[in-house]
Amino acid sequence: MVGSESVPELLELLLSTLLAAGLTVSGAVIEQAAFADLSGGFSMFAIWEVYMGLVLLYAGYTLGTRRVLPAFGSA
């Protein structure tokens, strides 16, 4: 049986994993949209999409490497 202290830690790990995956997938989708927009010509909206996609990819990577992967490594 899982101790009562482990349940919140497991819930935090689950939410962190889902958030990291969601940020990474969102960043990848936005990057695809940005490259599709850039193929039609230069626009400030496409540049903004590239920037936001990179921010989301970086956030997902950082969350994954600082919270999720160390938790799986110690299991």
C-alpha atoms as a PDB file:
ATOM      1  CA  MET A   1       0.000   0.000   0.000  1.00  0.00           C
ATOM      2  CA  VAL A   2       1.200   3.482  -0.855  1.00  0.00           C
ATOM      3  CA  GLY A   3       1.859   5.702   2.160  1.00  0.00           C
ATOM      4  CA  SER A   4      -0.096   8.904   2.576  1.00  0.00           C
ATOM      5  CA  GLU A   5       3.080  10.944   1.969  1.00  0.00           C
ATOM      6  CA  SER A   6       3.626   9.268  -1.395  1.00  0.00           C
ATOM      7  CA  VAL A   7       0.201  10.071  -2.851  1.00  0.00           C
ATOM      8  CA  PRO A   8       0.785  13.849  -3.150  1.00  0.00           C
ATOM      9  CA  GLU A   9       4.256  13.220  -4.575  1.00  0.00           C
ATOM     10  CA  LEU A  10       2.849  10.826  -7.179  1.00  0.00           C
ATOM     11  CA  LEU A  11       0.099  13.298  -8.045  1.00  0.00           C
ATOM     12  CA  GLU A  12       2.669  16.080  -8.448  1.00  0.00           C
ATOM     13  CA  LEU A  13       4.795  13.842 -10.666  1.00  0.00           C
ATOM     14  CA  LEU A  14       1.777  12.910 -12.791  1.00  0.00           C
ATOM     15  CA  LEU A  15       0.744  16.536 -13.224  1.00  0.00           C
ATOM     16  CA  SER A  16       4.314  17.608 -13.992  1.00  0.00           C
ATOM     17  CA  THR A  17       4.601  14.857 -16.605  1.00  0.00           C
ATOM     18  CA  LEU A  18       1.314  15.832 -18.239  1.00  0.00           C
ATOM     19  CA  LEU A  19       2.237  19.518 -18.205  1.00  0.00           C
ATOM     20  CA  ALA A  20       5.681  18.877 -19.702  1.00  0.00           C
ATOM     21  CA  ALA A  21       4.153  16.720 -22.432  1.00  0.00           C
ATOM     22  CA  GLY A  22       1.424  19.286 -23.123  1.00  0.00           C
ATOM     23  CA  LEU A  23       3.905  22.154 -23.359  1.00  0.00           C
ATOM     24  CA  THR A  24       6.165  20.189 -25.678  1.00  0.00           C
ATOM     25  CA  VAL A  25       3.356  19.075 -27.983  1.00  0.00           C
ATOM     26  CA  SER A  26       1.881  22.594 -28.055  1.00  0.00           C
ATOM     27  CA  GLY A  27       5.284  24.040 -28.897  1.00  0.00           C
ATOM     28  CA  ALA A  28       5.770  21.550 -31.725  1.00  0.00           C
ATOM     29  CA  VAL A  29       2.323  22.288 -33.178  1.00  0.00           C
ATOM     30  CA  ILE A  30       2.916  26.035 -33.019  1.00  0.00           C
ATOM     31  CA  GLU A  31       6.312  25.607 -34.688  1.00  0.00           C
ATOM     32  CA  GLN A  32       4.678  23.651 -37.522  1.00  0.00           C
ATOM     33  CA  ALA A  33       2.113  26.412 -37.968  1.00  0.00           C
ATOM     34  CA  ALA A  34       4.871  29.020 -37.929  1.00  0.00           C
ATOM     35  CA  PHE A  35       6.874  27.251 -40.630  1.00  0.00           C
ATOM     36  CA  ALA A  36       3.730  26.887 -42.741  1.00  0.00           C
ATOM     37  CA  ASP A  37       3.065  30.624 -42.360  1.00  0.00           C
ATOM     38  CA  LEU A  38       6.688  31.491 -43.144  1.00  0.00           C
ATOM     39  CA  SER A  39       6.592  29.403 -46.319  1.00  0.00           C
ATOM     40  CA  GLY A  40       3.934  31.787 -47.610  1.00  0.00           C
ATOM     41  CA  GLY A  41       6.089  34.818 -46.924  1.00  0.00           C
ATOM     42  CA  PHE A  42       7.524  36.872 -44.099  1.00  0.00           C
ATOM     43  CA  SER A  43       5.023  38.144 -41.537  1.00  0.00           C
ATOM     44  CA  MET A  44       5.268  39.379 -37.980  1.00  0.00           C
ATOM     45  CA  PHE A  45       2.651  36.833 -36.915  1.00  0.00           C
ATOM     46  CA  ALA A  46       4.829  33.977 -38.180  1.00  0.00           C
ATOM     47  CA  ILE A  47       7.827  35.371 -36.289  1.00  0.00           C
ATOM     48  CA  TRP A  48       5.679  35.612 -33.148  1.00  0.00           C
ATOM     49  CA  GLU A  49       4.604  31.989 -33.655  1.00  0.00           C
ATOM     50  CA  VAL A  50       8.228  30.879 -33.949  1.00  0.00           C
ATOM     51  CA  TYR A  51       9.069  32.703 -30.724  1.00  0.00           C
ATOM     52  CA  MET A  52       6.105  31.306 -28.793  1.00  0.00           C
ATOM     53  CA  GLY A  53       6.758  27.787 -30.070  1.00  0.00           C
ATOM     54  CA  LEU A  54      10.352  27.980 -28.890  1.00  0.00           C
ATOM     55  CA  VAL A  55       9.252  29.291 -25.490  1.00  0.00           C
ATOM     56  CA  LEU A  56       6.814  26.394 -25.063  1.00  0.00           C
ATOM     57  CA  LEU A  57       9.376  23.831 -26.213  1.00  0.00           C
ATOM     58  CA  TYR A  58      11.924  25.228 -23.765  1.00  0.00           C
ATOM     59  CA  ALA A  59       9.397  25.230 -20.906  1.00  0.00           C
ATOM     60  CA  GLY A  60       8.446  21.616 -21.593  1.00  0.00           C
ATOM     61  CA  TYR A  61      12.092  20.574 -21.824  1.00  0.00           C
ATOM     62  CA  THR A  62      13.024  22.383 -18.620  1.00  0.00           C
ATOM     63  CA  LEU A  63      10.105  20.954 -16.661  1.00  0.00           C
ATOM     64  CA  GLY A  64      10.829  17.485 -17.970  1.00  0.00           C
ATOM     65  CA  THR A  65      14.530  17.533 -17.194  1.00  0.00           C
ATOM     66  CA  ARG A  66      14.311  19.229 -13.801  1.00  0.00           C
ATOM     67  CA  ARG A  67      11.244  17.537 -12.300  1.00  0.00           C
ATOM     68  CA  VAL A  68      10.117  14.490 -14.243  1.00  0.00           C
ATOM     69  CA  LEU A  69      13.344  12.728 -15.247  1.00  0.00           C
ATOM     70  CA  PRO A  70      15.024  12.997 -11.813  1.00  0.00           C
ATOM     71  CA  ALA A  71      11.930  11.459 -10.195  1.00  0.00           C
ATOM     72  CA  PHE A  72      12.068   8.491 -12.555  1.00  0.00           C
ATOM     73  CA  GLY A  73      15.809   8.160 -12.042  1.00  0.00           C
ATOM     74  CA  SER A  74      15.403   7.817  -8.267  1.00  0.00           C
ATOM     75  CA  ALA A  75      12.633   5.196  -8.533  1.00  0.00           C
END
